[in-house]
Amino acid sequence: MCRPTTWLLGGLFGLMWVIPVLMTPTTLAQCKSLKTLETKLTDRRRNFKHNFPINYTIKVHYEEIFKLCNISRLRVRVVDLEEGDLQDVWLLVNQEVLKRILRVLPERHPSYKYTSDLEDLFRKIQQVFPPQSDEREPPERIEEIYNRVKEPNSKGWRFVTPKSLLDNCYRTMHCLFKNCFPSEDGEQDYCSALHWRKGRKRQLQET
């Protein structure tokens, strides 16, 4: 009786070691790509503010204005929502945003290469995203967002500055992938608008 039990326990301990090893490469690859994107996005102010006319805006779907409050609202209102659903929305929305920015930029524009590099980074991030299970369908509200973002004749258009859209991308990335962005000051509430207001105030004081 003892020997089969010992083998069973040994097998379970073996799985406990193997599963993290199998999961780690995907997680590390995601974080590596997202940290590269984080570094690239720190230059968004110069590229999307100083290189554009004052108050210059582009037309985007309402769903492409993906902010922290949208994440909070979806988490409260959508039943059976998983974090992977929100991460997929984040990826889709920002890929579409970059396409829209590129469409209005001539290739000689000083921010064209920067925007093109961002789009390429998103393709690389998509490659390391874990695929969704074929056995599970996303919640209806998430499906609606997918469809509306892809709908060219949608009526829900808004005019937004490119920098605001990339600010949203930066903040929501930290909120949805907070494990990739640990802080020396302890765990940060990246999903809180107050966190970003404090950071902005601190930057202004330093300058």
N, C-alpha and C. Protein backbone atom coordinates (compact mmCIF):
# COMPACT_ATOMS: atom_id res chain seq x y z
N MET A 1 0.82 -1.21 0.00
CA MET A 1 0.00 0.00 0.00
C MET A 1 0.86 1.26 0.00
N CYS A 2 1.99 1.20 0.70
CA CYS A 2 2.81 2.40 0.82
C CYS A 2 3.50 2.76 -0.49
N ARG A 3 3.95 1.72 -1.26
CA ARG A 3 4.75 2.01 -2.46
C ARG A 3 3.94 2.75 -3.52
N PRO A 4 2.69 2.31 -3.88
CA PRO A 4 1.91 3.08 -4.86
C PRO A 4 1.65 4.50 -4.38
N THR A 5 1.42 4.65 -3.06
CA THR A 5 1.19 6.00 -2.53
C THR A 5 2.42 6.86 -2.71
N THR A 6 3.58 6.26 -2.46
CA THR A 6 4.83 6.99 -2.63
C THR A 6 5.03 7.42 -4.07
N TRP A 7 4.73 6.48 -5.01
CA TRP A 7 4.86 6.82 -6.44
C TRP A 7 3.91 7.96 -6.81
N LEU A 8 2.68 7.89 -6.26
CA LEU A 8 1.69 8.93 -6.57
C LEU A 8 2.14 10.29 -6.07
N LEU A 9 2.64 10.31 -4.83
CA LEU A 9 3.12 11.57 -4.27
C LEU A 9 4.31 12.11 -5.05
N GLY A 10 5.19 11.16 -5.47
CA GLY A 10 6.34 11.57 -6.27
C GLY A 10 5.91 12.19 -7.58
N GLY A 11 4.87 11.56 -8.18
CA GLY A 11 4.38 12.10 -9.45
C GLY A 11 3.78 13.49 -9.28
N LEU A 12 3.04 13.69 -8.18
CA LEU A 12 2.43 14.99 -7.95
C LEU A 12 3.47 16.07 -7.71
N PHE A 13 4.52 15.71 -6.93
CA PHE A 13 5.60 16.68 -6.71
C PHE A 13 6.32 17.00 -8.02
N GLY A 14 6.44 15.98 -8.87
CA GLY A 14 7.08 16.21 -10.16
C GLY A 14 6.29 17.18 -11.01
N LEU A 15 4.95 17.03 -11.00
CA LEU A 15 4.11 17.94 -11.77
C LEU A 15 4.20 19.36 -11.23
N MET A 16 4.31 19.49 -9.91
CA MET A 16 4.41 20.81 -9.32
C MET A 16 5.65 21.54 -9.79
N TRP A 17 6.72 20.79 -10.08
CA TRP A 17 7.93 21.40 -10.59
C TRP A 17 7.85 21.64 -12.08
N VAL A 18 7.23 20.72 -12.80
CA VAL A 18 7.20 20.82 -14.26
C VAL A 18 6.28 21.93 -14.74
N ILE A 19 5.08 22.07 -14.11
CA ILE A 19 4.10 23.04 -14.58
C ILE A 19 4.65 24.46 -14.57
N PRO A 20 5.29 24.94 -13.47
CA PRO A 20 5.86 26.28 -13.53
C PRO A 20 6.89 26.44 -14.62
N VAL A 21 7.69 25.39 -14.86
CA VAL A 21 8.71 25.47 -15.91
C VAL A 21 8.06 25.64 -17.27
N LEU A 22 6.94 24.91 -17.49
CA LEU A 22 6.25 25.02 -18.77
C LEU A 22 5.59 26.38 -18.94
N MET A 23 5.12 26.97 -17.84
CA MET A 23 4.42 28.24 -17.91
C MET A 23 5.37 29.42 -17.97
N THR A 24 6.54 29.31 -17.37
CA THR A 24 7.45 30.44 -17.24
C THR A 24 7.87 31.06 -18.56
N PRO A 25 8.26 30.28 -19.62
CA PRO A 25 8.71 30.92 -20.86
C PRO A 25 7.69 31.87 -21.45
N THR A 26 6.41 31.49 -21.46
CA THR A 26 5.38 32.37 -22.01
C THR A 26 5.28 33.64 -21.18
N THR A 27 5.26 33.52 -19.86
CA THR A 27 5.16 34.68 -18.99
C THR A 27 6.36 35.59 -19.16
N LEU A 28 7.54 35.01 -19.19
CA LEU A 28 8.75 35.81 -19.36
C LEU A 28 8.78 36.49 -20.72
N ALA A 29 8.33 35.79 -21.74
CA ALA A 29 8.31 36.37 -23.08
C ALA A 29 7.33 37.54 -23.14
N GLN A 30 6.17 37.36 -22.51
CA GLN A 30 5.19 38.46 -22.47
C GLN A 30 5.78 39.67 -21.77
N CYS A 31 6.34 39.47 -20.59
CA CYS A 31 6.88 40.59 -19.82
C CYS A 31 8.03 41.27 -20.54
N LYS A 32 8.86 40.49 -21.19
CA LYS A 32 9.99 41.07 -21.93
C LYS A 32 9.47 41.98 -23.04
N SER A 33 8.47 41.51 -23.79
CA SER A 33 7.91 42.32 -24.87
C SER A 33 7.21 43.56 -24.33
N LEU A 34 6.48 43.40 -23.23
CA LEU A 34 5.76 44.54 -22.66
C LEU A 34 6.70 45.57 -22.07
N LYS A 35 7.81 45.13 -21.50
CA LYS A 35 8.79 46.08 -20.97
C LYS A 35 9.46 46.85 -22.11
N THR A 36 9.69 46.18 -23.24
CA THR A 36 10.22 46.88 -24.41
C THR A 36 9.23 47.93 -24.87
N LEU A 37 7.95 47.57 -24.88
CA LEU A 37 6.91 48.53 -25.26
C LEU A 37 6.84 49.68 -24.27
N GLU A 38 6.96 49.38 -22.98
CA GLU A 38 6.95 50.43 -21.96
C GLU A 38 8.05 51.46 -22.23
N THR A 39 9.24 50.97 -22.51
CA THR A 39 10.36 51.87 -22.79
C THR A 39 10.08 52.72 -24.03
N LYS A 40 9.52 52.10 -25.04
CA LYS A 40 9.21 52.82 -26.28
C LYS A 40 8.14 53.88 -26.05
N LEU A 41 7.16 53.57 -25.23
CA LEU A 41 6.05 54.50 -25.00
C LEU A 41 6.45 55.71 -24.16
N THR A 42 7.57 55.64 -23.46
CA THR A 42 8.00 56.80 -22.68
C THR A 42 8.35 57.98 -23.58
N ASP A 43 8.54 57.72 -24.86
CA ASP A 43 8.87 58.79 -25.81
C ASP A 43 7.63 59.29 -26.56
N ARG A 44 6.45 58.90 -26.08
CA ARG A 44 5.23 59.26 -26.81
C ARG A 44 4.94 60.76 -26.74
N ARG A 45 5.36 61.42 -25.69
CA ARG A 45 5.08 62.85 -25.56
C ARG A 45 5.70 63.63 -26.71
N ARG A 46 6.98 63.38 -26.96
CA ARG A 46 7.64 64.11 -28.05
C ARG A 46 7.04 63.76 -29.40
N ASN A 47 6.76 62.48 -29.62
CA ASN A 47 6.30 62.04 -30.93
C ASN A 47 4.83 62.35 -31.19
N PHE A 48 4.00 62.36 -30.14
CA PHE A 48 2.57 62.57 -30.36
C PHE A 48 2.05 63.90 -29.83
N LYS A 49 2.94 64.74 -29.33
CA LYS A 49 2.53 66.07 -28.92
C LYS A 49 3.32 67.14 -29.66
N HIS A 50 4.64 67.09 -29.54
CA HIS A 50 5.47 68.12 -30.15
C HIS A 50 5.51 68.02 -31.68
N ASN A 51 5.30 66.83 -32.22
CA ASN A 51 5.37 66.65 -33.67
C ASN A 51 4.01 66.79 -34.36
N PHE A 52 2.97 67.17 -33.59
CA PHE A 52 1.64 67.35 -34.16
C PHE A 52 1.16 68.77 -33.89
N PRO A 53 0.25 69.28 -34.73
CA PRO A 53 -0.34 70.59 -34.43
C PRO A 53 -1.08 70.55 -33.09
N ILE A 54 -1.21 71.70 -32.46
CA ILE A 54 -1.91 71.78 -31.18
C ILE A 54 -3.35 71.31 -31.35
N ASN A 55 -3.78 70.45 -30.44
CA ASN A 55 -5.15 69.92 -30.43
C ASN A 55 -5.50 69.09 -31.66
N TYR A 56 -4.49 68.55 -32.33
CA TYR A 56 -4.75 67.70 -33.49
C TYR A 56 -5.40 66.39 -33.03
N THR A 57 -6.47 65.98 -33.68
CA THR A 57 -7.18 64.76 -33.29
C THR A 57 -7.37 63.83 -34.48
N ILE A 58 -7.62 62.56 -34.18
CA ILE A 58 -7.97 61.58 -35.20
C ILE A 58 -9.29 60.93 -34.81
N LYS A 59 -9.97 60.36 -35.80
CA LYS A 59 -11.27 59.74 -35.56
C LYS A 59 -11.08 58.27 -35.20
N VAL A 60 -11.64 57.87 -34.07
CA VAL A 60 -11.54 56.48 -33.61
C VAL A 60 -12.91 56.01 -33.11
N HIS A 61 -13.08 54.70 -33.02
CA HIS A 61 -14.28 54.16 -32.41
C HIS A 61 -14.32 54.52 -30.92
N TYR A 62 -15.53 54.62 -30.40
CA TYR A 62 -15.69 54.87 -28.97
C TYR A 62 -14.94 53.83 -28.15
N GLU A 63 -15.01 52.56 -28.58
CA GLU A 63 -14.36 51.46 -27.85
C GLU A 63 -12.84 51.54 -27.88
N GLU A 64 -12.29 52.31 -28.82
CA GLU A 64 -10.84 52.43 -28.91
C GLU A 64 -10.28 53.45 -27.92
N ILE A 65 -11.16 54.16 -27.26
CA ILE A 65 -10.72 55.04 -26.15
C ILE A 65 -10.77 54.18 -24.89
N PHE A 66 -9.80 53.32 -24.76
CA PHE A 66 -9.80 52.27 -23.74
C PHE A 66 -9.02 52.75 -22.53
N LYS A 67 -9.75 53.19 -21.50
CA LYS A 67 -9.14 53.81 -20.33
C LYS A 67 -9.31 52.93 -19.09
N LEU A 68 -8.70 53.38 -18.00
CA LEU A 68 -8.79 52.63 -16.74
C LEU A 68 -10.24 52.47 -16.29
N CYS A 69 -11.05 53.49 -16.49
CA CYS A 69 -12.44 53.41 -16.06
C CYS A 69 -13.21 52.35 -16.87
N ASN A 70 -12.81 52.13 -18.14
CA ASN A 70 -13.46 51.08 -18.93
C ASN A 70 -13.16 49.70 -18.35
N ILE A 71 -11.92 49.50 -17.89
CA ILE A 71 -11.55 48.23 -17.29
C ILE A 71 -12.36 48.00 -16.02
N SER A 72 -12.45 49.02 -15.16
CA SER A 72 -13.21 48.90 -13.92
C SER A 72 -14.67 48.59 -14.20
N ARG A 73 -15.24 49.27 -15.20
CA ARG A 73 -16.65 49.08 -15.53
C ARG A 73 -16.91 47.66 -16.02
N LEU A 74 -16.03 47.17 -16.89
CA LEU A 74 -16.20 45.82 -17.42
C LEU A 74 -16.07 44.77 -16.31
N ARG A 75 -15.14 44.98 -15.39
CA ARG A 75 -14.95 44.02 -14.30
C ARG A 75 -16.19 43.93 -13.41
N VAL A 76 -16.88 45.04 -13.26
CA VAL A 76 -18.07 45.07 -12.40
C VAL A 76 -19.29 44.51 -13.12
N ARG A 77 -19.44 44.83 -14.39
CA ARG A 77 -20.70 44.56 -15.09
C ARG A 77 -20.75 43.26 -15.87
N VAL A 78 -19.59 42.73 -16.27
CA VAL A 78 -19.59 41.57 -17.16
C VAL A 78 -19.43 40.29 -16.35
N VAL A 79 -20.40 39.41 -16.50
CA VAL A 79 -20.36 38.11 -15.82
C VAL A 79 -19.38 37.19 -16.55
N ASP A 80 -18.68 36.36 -15.79
CA ASP A 80 -17.73 35.37 -16.34
C ASP A 80 -16.57 36.03 -17.09
N LEU A 81 -16.26 37.26 -16.75
CA LEU A 81 -15.13 37.94 -17.38
C LEU A 81 -13.82 37.40 -16.83
N GLU A 82 -12.88 37.12 -17.70
CA GLU A 82 -11.55 36.68 -17.30
C GLU A 82 -10.53 37.76 -17.65
N GLU A 83 -9.40 37.74 -16.94
CA GLU A 83 -8.37 38.74 -17.20
C GLU A 83 -7.87 38.65 -18.64
N GLY A 84 -7.82 37.43 -19.17
CA GLY A 84 -7.39 37.25 -20.55
C GLY A 84 -8.31 37.95 -21.54
N ASP A 85 -9.61 38.07 -21.21
CA ASP A 85 -10.54 38.79 -22.08
C ASP A 85 -10.15 40.26 -22.17
N LEU A 86 -9.84 40.85 -21.03
CA LEU A 86 -9.45 42.25 -21.01
C LEU A 86 -8.12 42.47 -21.71
N GLN A 87 -7.19 41.53 -21.54
CA GLN A 87 -5.90 41.65 -22.20
C GLN A 87 -6.04 41.55 -23.71
N ASP A 88 -6.95 40.69 -24.17
CA ASP A 88 -7.19 40.58 -25.61
C ASP A 88 -7.81 41.86 -26.17
N VAL A 89 -8.73 42.45 -25.41
CA VAL A 89 -9.33 43.72 -25.84
C VAL A 89 -8.26 44.80 -25.93
N TRP A 90 -7.40 44.86 -24.91
CA TRP A 90 -6.30 45.84 -24.90
C TRP A 90 -5.43 45.69 -26.15
N LEU A 91 -5.09 44.47 -26.48
CA LEU A 91 -4.24 44.21 -27.64
C LEU A 91 -4.93 44.64 -28.93
N LEU A 92 -6.18 44.23 -29.11
CA LEU A 92 -6.92 44.55 -30.33
C LEU A 92 -7.11 46.05 -30.47
N VAL A 93 -7.55 46.71 -29.41
CA VAL A 93 -7.84 48.14 -29.46
C VAL A 93 -6.59 48.93 -29.85
N ASN A 94 -5.48 48.64 -29.24
CA ASN A 94 -4.28 49.44 -29.50
C ASN A 94 -3.66 49.13 -30.86
N GLN A 95 -3.83 47.93 -31.35
CA GLN A 95 -3.40 47.65 -32.71
C GLN A 95 -4.21 48.48 -33.70
N GLU A 96 -5.51 48.59 -33.47
CA GLU A 96 -6.37 49.39 -34.35
C GLU A 96 -6.04 50.87 -34.23
N VAL A 97 -5.75 51.34 -33.04
CA VAL A 97 -5.39 52.73 -32.82
C VAL A 97 -4.14 53.09 -33.62
N LEU A 98 -3.14 52.24 -33.57
CA LEU A 98 -1.89 52.51 -34.29
C LEU A 98 -2.12 52.50 -35.80
N LYS A 99 -2.98 51.62 -36.27
CA LYS A 99 -3.32 51.61 -37.71
C LYS A 99 -3.94 52.93 -38.12
N ARG A 100 -4.82 53.46 -37.28
CA ARG A 100 -5.49 54.72 -37.60
C ARG A 100 -4.51 55.88 -37.61
N ILE A 101 -3.58 55.87 -36.69
CA ILE A 101 -2.57 56.94 -36.66
C ILE A 101 -1.69 56.87 -37.91
N LEU A 102 -1.29 55.66 -38.27
CA LEU A 102 -0.43 55.50 -39.45
C LEU A 102 -1.13 55.94 -40.74
N ARG A 103 -2.46 55.76 -40.79
CA ARG A 103 -3.19 56.12 -42.00
C ARG A 103 -3.15 57.63 -42.26
N VAL A 104 -3.05 58.42 -41.22
CA VAL A 104 -3.06 59.88 -41.41
C VAL A 104 -1.65 60.46 -41.49
N LEU A 105 -0.63 59.64 -41.30
CA LEU A 105 0.75 60.14 -41.31
C LEU A 105 1.42 59.88 -42.66
N PRO A 106 1.96 60.90 -43.29
CA PRO A 106 2.83 60.63 -44.45
C PRO A 106 4.12 59.97 -43.98
N GLU A 107 4.73 59.20 -44.84
CA GLU A 107 5.94 58.45 -44.44
C GLU A 107 7.07 59.38 -44.03
N ARG A 108 7.05 60.60 -44.50
CA ARG A 108 8.13 61.54 -44.14
C ARG A 108 7.84 62.27 -42.82
N HIS A 109 6.70 62.02 -42.24
CA HIS A 109 6.39 62.66 -40.97
C HIS A 109 7.39 62.19 -39.91
N PRO A 110 7.86 63.08 -39.03
CA PRO A 110 8.88 62.69 -38.03
C PRO A 110 8.43 61.59 -37.07
N SER A 111 7.12 61.38 -36.93
CA SER A 111 6.64 60.34 -36.02
C SER A 111 6.20 59.07 -36.73
N TYR A 112 6.38 59.02 -38.04
CA TYR A 112 5.90 57.85 -38.77
C TYR A 112 6.68 56.59 -38.37
N LYS A 113 8.01 56.67 -38.36
CA LYS A 113 8.81 55.48 -38.02
C LYS A 113 8.54 55.05 -36.57
N TYR A 114 8.41 56.02 -35.69
CA TYR A 114 8.13 55.69 -34.29
C TYR A 114 6.82 54.91 -34.18
N THR A 115 5.79 55.38 -34.87
CA THR A 115 4.49 54.71 -34.83
C THR A 115 4.55 53.34 -35.47
N SER A 116 5.29 53.24 -36.56
CA SER A 116 5.46 51.96 -37.24
C SER A 116 6.19 50.96 -36.35
N ASP A 117 7.18 51.44 -35.60
CA ASP A 117 7.90 50.57 -34.67
C ASP A 117 6.97 50.08 -33.55
N LEU A 118 6.09 50.95 -33.09
CA LEU A 118 5.12 50.54 -32.07
C LEU A 118 4.20 49.45 -32.60
N GLU A 119 3.74 49.62 -33.83
CA GLU A 119 2.87 48.62 -34.43
C GLU A 119 3.59 47.28 -34.55
N ASP A 120 4.85 47.32 -34.90
CA ASP A 120 5.64 46.09 -35.00
C ASP A 120 5.80 45.43 -33.63
N LEU A 121 5.98 46.23 -32.59
CA LEU A 121 6.08 45.69 -31.24
C LEU A 121 4.80 44.98 -30.84
N PHE A 122 3.67 45.53 -31.22
CA PHE A 122 2.39 44.90 -30.90
C PHE A 122 2.24 43.55 -31.61
N ARG A 123 2.75 43.45 -32.81
CA ARG A 123 2.72 42.15 -33.51
C ARG A 123 3.53 41.12 -32.73
N LYS A 124 4.67 41.55 -32.22
CA LYS A 124 5.52 40.63 -31.46
C LYS A 124 4.85 40.24 -30.14
N ILE A 125 4.18 41.19 -29.51
CA ILE A 125 3.46 40.88 -28.27
C ILE A 125 2.36 39.88 -28.54
N GLN A 126 1.64 40.05 -29.66
CA GLN A 126 0.56 39.13 -30.00
C GLN A 126 1.07 37.70 -30.17
N GLN A 127 2.29 37.54 -30.66
CA GLN A 127 2.85 36.22 -30.88
C GLN A 127 3.10 35.47 -29.58
N VAL A 128 3.30 36.20 -28.48
CA VAL A 128 3.58 35.53 -27.20
C VAL A 128 2.36 35.50 -26.29
N PHE A 129 1.22 36.00 -26.78
CA PHE A 129 -0.01 35.89 -26.02
C PHE A 129 -0.48 34.45 -26.00
N PRO A 130 -0.89 33.92 -24.85
CA PRO A 130 -1.43 32.55 -24.82
C PRO A 130 -2.75 32.50 -25.57
N PRO A 131 -2.97 31.53 -26.46
CA PRO A 131 -4.23 31.44 -27.20
C PRO A 131 -5.40 31.13 -26.29
N GLN A 132 -6.54 31.72 -26.60
CA GLN A 132 -7.75 31.43 -25.84
C GLN A 132 -8.24 30.02 -26.15
N SER A 133 -8.84 29.38 -25.17
CA SER A 133 -9.35 28.03 -25.35
C SER A 133 -10.51 28.02 -26.34
N ASP A 134 -10.49 27.05 -27.26
CA ASP A 134 -11.57 26.93 -28.24
C ASP A 134 -12.88 26.51 -27.58
N GLU A 135 -12.79 25.97 -26.37
CA GLU A 135 -13.98 25.49 -25.68
C GLU A 135 -14.73 26.62 -24.98
N ARG A 136 -14.14 27.80 -24.89
CA ARG A 136 -14.77 28.91 -24.17
C ARG A 136 -15.01 30.08 -25.12
N GLU A 137 -16.21 30.61 -25.09
CA GLU A 137 -16.54 31.80 -25.85
C GLU A 137 -16.43 33.02 -24.94
N PRO A 138 -15.89 34.13 -25.44
CA PRO A 138 -15.80 35.34 -24.62
C PRO A 138 -17.20 35.83 -24.24
N PRO A 139 -17.32 36.55 -23.14
CA PRO A 139 -18.62 37.12 -22.77
C PRO A 139 -19.18 37.99 -23.90
N GLU A 140 -20.50 38.13 -23.91
CA GLU A 140 -21.18 38.84 -25.00
C GLU A 140 -20.67 40.28 -25.15
N ARG A 141 -20.46 40.96 -24.03
CA ARG A 141 -19.98 42.35 -24.10
C ARG A 141 -18.60 42.44 -24.75
N ILE A 142 -17.75 41.48 -24.48
CA ILE A 142 -16.42 41.47 -25.10
C ILE A 142 -16.53 41.22 -26.60
N GLU A 143 -17.42 40.33 -26.99
CA GLU A 143 -17.66 40.08 -28.41
C GLU A 143 -18.16 41.35 -29.09
N GLU A 144 -19.01 42.10 -28.42
CA GLU A 144 -19.53 43.35 -28.98
C GLU A 144 -18.41 44.34 -29.23
N ILE A 145 -17.46 44.42 -28.30
CA ILE A 145 -16.32 45.32 -28.49
C ILE A 145 -15.50 44.90 -29.70
N TYR A 146 -15.23 43.59 -29.81
CA TYR A 146 -14.49 43.09 -30.97
C TYR A 146 -15.18 43.52 -32.26
N ASN A 147 -16.49 43.30 -32.33
CA ASN A 147 -17.24 43.56 -33.56
C ASN A 147 -17.29 45.04 -33.89
N ARG A 148 -17.49 45.89 -32.88
CA ARG A 148 -17.61 47.32 -33.12
C ARG A 148 -16.28 47.92 -33.55
N VAL A 149 -15.19 47.45 -32.97
CA VAL A 149 -13.87 47.95 -33.36
C VAL A 149 -13.57 47.61 -34.82
N LYS A 150 -14.05 46.47 -35.27
CA LYS A 150 -13.81 46.03 -36.64
C LYS A 150 -14.85 46.57 -37.64
N GLU A 151 -15.88 47.26 -37.14
CA GLU A 151 -16.96 47.73 -38.00
C GLU A 151 -16.61 49.09 -38.62
N PRO A 152 -16.40 49.15 -39.93
CA PRO A 152 -16.00 50.42 -40.55
C PRO A 152 -17.11 51.46 -40.58
N ASN A 153 -18.36 51.03 -40.53
CA ASN A 153 -19.49 51.96 -40.63
C ASN A 153 -20.15 52.23 -39.29
N SER A 154 -19.41 52.03 -38.23
CA SER A 154 -19.95 52.27 -36.89
C SER A 154 -20.32 53.75 -36.72
N LYS A 155 -21.35 54.02 -35.91
CA LYS A 155 -21.78 55.40 -35.67
C LYS A 155 -21.12 55.99 -34.42
N GLY A 156 -20.44 55.17 -33.66
CA GLY A 156 -19.87 55.64 -32.40
C GLY A 156 -18.46 56.17 -32.54
N TRP A 157 -18.27 57.22 -33.33
CA TRP A 157 -16.93 57.77 -33.55
C TRP A 157 -16.64 58.90 -32.56
N ARG A 158 -15.37 59.04 -32.21
CA ARG A 158 -14.91 60.14 -31.36
C ARG A 158 -13.62 60.71 -31.95
N PHE A 159 -13.34 61.97 -31.61
CA PHE A 159 -12.10 62.60 -32.06
C PHE A 159 -11.20 62.80 -30.85
N VAL A 160 -10.01 62.21 -30.92
CA VAL A 160 -9.10 62.16 -29.77
C VAL A 160 -7.67 62.44 -30.25
N THR A 161 -6.86 63.05 -29.40
CA THR A 161 -5.47 63.29 -29.77
C THR A 161 -4.69 61.97 -29.74
N PRO A 162 -3.74 61.79 -30.65
CA PRO A 162 -2.93 60.56 -30.63
C PRO A 162 -2.23 60.33 -29.30
N LYS A 163 -1.74 61.39 -28.68
CA LYS A 163 -1.05 61.22 -27.41
C LYS A 163 -1.99 60.67 -26.33
N SER A 164 -3.23 61.15 -26.30
CA SER A 164 -4.18 60.65 -25.31
C SER A 164 -4.42 59.16 -25.48
N LEU A 165 -4.51 58.72 -26.72
CA LEU A 165 -4.72 57.30 -27.00
C LEU A 165 -3.55 56.46 -26.52
N LEU A 166 -2.33 56.99 -26.71
CA LEU A 166 -1.15 56.23 -26.27
C LEU A 166 -0.94 56.35 -24.76
N ASP A 167 -1.42 57.43 -24.16
CA ASP A 167 -1.43 57.51 -22.69
C ASP A 167 -2.33 56.41 -22.13
N ASN A 168 -3.49 56.24 -22.75
CA ASN A 168 -4.41 55.17 -22.32
C ASN A 168 -3.75 53.81 -22.45
N CYS A 169 -3.06 53.61 -23.56
CA CYS A 169 -2.37 52.34 -23.80
C CYS A 169 -1.36 52.05 -22.70
N TYR A 170 -0.58 53.06 -22.35
CA TYR A 170 0.48 52.92 -21.34
C TYR A 170 -0.10 52.56 -19.97
N ARG A 171 -1.14 53.28 -19.57
CA ARG A 171 -1.71 53.08 -18.23
C ARG A 171 -2.46 51.76 -18.13
N THR A 172 -3.26 51.45 -19.13
CA THR A 172 -4.02 50.20 -19.08
C THR A 172 -3.10 48.98 -19.20
N MET A 173 -1.98 49.13 -19.89
CA MET A 173 -1.01 48.04 -19.95
C MET A 173 -0.50 47.71 -18.55
N HIS A 174 -0.17 48.74 -17.77
CA HIS A 174 0.31 48.51 -16.41
C HIS A 174 -0.78 47.91 -15.53
N CYS A 175 -2.02 48.31 -15.77
CA CYS A 175 -3.13 47.78 -14.98
C CYS A 175 -3.36 46.30 -15.27
N LEU A 176 -3.35 45.91 -16.54
CA LEU A 176 -3.69 44.55 -16.94
C LEU A 176 -2.52 43.58 -16.86
N PHE A 177 -1.30 44.11 -16.82
CA PHE A 177 -0.11 43.24 -16.75
C PHE A 177 0.79 43.70 -15.60
N LYS A 178 0.18 43.98 -14.45
CA LYS A 178 0.92 44.58 -13.34
C LYS A 178 2.06 43.70 -12.84
N ASN A 179 1.95 42.38 -13.03
CA ASN A 179 3.03 41.50 -12.59
C ASN A 179 4.32 41.73 -13.36
N CYS A 180 4.21 42.31 -14.54
CA CYS A 180 5.41 42.58 -15.35
C CYS A 180 6.08 43.89 -14.94
N PHE A 181 5.42 44.68 -14.08
CA PHE A 181 5.95 45.99 -13.74
C PHE A 181 6.02 46.18 -12.23
N PRO A 182 6.84 45.37 -11.53
CA PRO A 182 6.98 45.53 -10.08
C PRO A 182 7.65 46.86 -9.75
N SER A 183 7.35 47.38 -8.58
CA SER A 183 7.90 48.66 -8.15
C SER A 183 8.71 48.49 -6.89
N GLU A 184 9.78 49.28 -6.76
CA GLU A 184 10.60 49.24 -5.55
C GLU A 184 9.85 49.82 -4.35
N ASP A 185 8.80 50.60 -4.62
CA ASP A 185 8.04 51.23 -3.55
C ASP A 185 6.92 50.33 -3.03
N GLY A 186 6.94 49.07 -3.41
CA GLY A 186 5.87 48.17 -3.02
C GLY A 186 4.86 48.04 -4.13
N GLU A 187 3.81 47.29 -3.88
CA GLU A 187 2.80 47.05 -4.91
C GLU A 187 2.05 48.33 -5.25
N GLN A 188 2.06 48.70 -6.53
CA GLN A 188 1.40 49.91 -6.99
C GLN A 188 0.01 49.57 -7.52
N ASP A 189 -0.93 50.47 -7.28
CA ASP A 189 -2.29 50.27 -7.80
C ASP A 189 -2.36 50.93 -9.18
N TYR A 190 -1.84 50.23 -10.18
CA TYR A 190 -1.80 50.79 -11.52
C TYR A 190 -3.20 50.99 -12.11
N CYS A 191 -4.21 50.36 -11.55
CA CYS A 191 -5.57 50.49 -12.07
C CYS A 191 -6.29 51.71 -11.49
N SER A 192 -5.63 52.44 -10.61
CA SER A 192 -6.22 53.61 -9.99
C SER A 192 -5.80 54.88 -10.73
N ALA A 193 -6.78 55.71 -11.08
CA ALA A 193 -6.47 56.99 -11.73
C ALA A 193 -5.64 57.88 -10.80
N LEU A 194 -5.86 57.74 -9.50
CA LEU A 194 -5.12 58.53 -8.52
C LEU A 194 -3.62 58.25 -8.61
N HIS A 195 -3.26 57.00 -8.84
CA HIS A 195 -1.84 56.63 -8.98
C HIS A 195 -1.19 57.44 -10.09
N TRP A 196 -1.86 57.59 -11.23
CA TRP A 196 -1.28 58.28 -12.37
C TRP A 196 -1.30 59.80 -12.17
N ARG A 197 -2.29 60.32 -11.45
CA ARG A 197 -2.30 61.76 -11.15
C ARG A 197 -1.14 62.13 -10.23
N LYS A 198 -0.86 61.25 -9.26
CA LYS A 198 0.28 61.49 -8.37
C LYS A 198 1.58 61.47 -9.16
N GLY A 199 1.70 60.50 -10.08
CA GLY A 199 2.92 60.41 -10.88
C GLY A 199 3.12 61.62 -11.75
N ARG A 200 2.03 62.13 -12.32
CA ARG A 200 2.12 63.32 -13.18
C ARG A 200 2.51 64.54 -12.36
N LYS A 201 1.92 64.66 -11.15
CA LYS A 201 2.25 65.78 -10.28
C LYS A 201 3.72 65.74 -9.89
N ARG A 202 4.24 64.55 -9.62
CA ARG A 202 5.64 64.40 -9.24
C ARG A 202 6.56 64.79 -10.38
N GLN A 203 6.19 64.42 -11.62
CA GLN A 203 7.00 64.78 -12.79
C GLN A 203 7.04 66.28 -12.98
N LEU A 204 5.90 66.96 -12.77
CA LEU A 204 5.86 68.40 -12.91
C LEU A 204 6.73 69.10 -11.87
N GLN A 205 6.74 68.55 -10.65
CA GLN A 205 7.57 69.12 -9.59
C GLN A 205 9.05 68.97 -9.89
N GLU A 206 9.41 67.84 -10.50
CA GLU A 206 10.82 67.58 -10.83
C GLU A 206 11.31 68.49 -11.96
N THR A 207 10.38 68.90 -12.85
CA THR A 207 10.76 69.76 -13.96
C THR A 207 10.61 71.24 -13.58
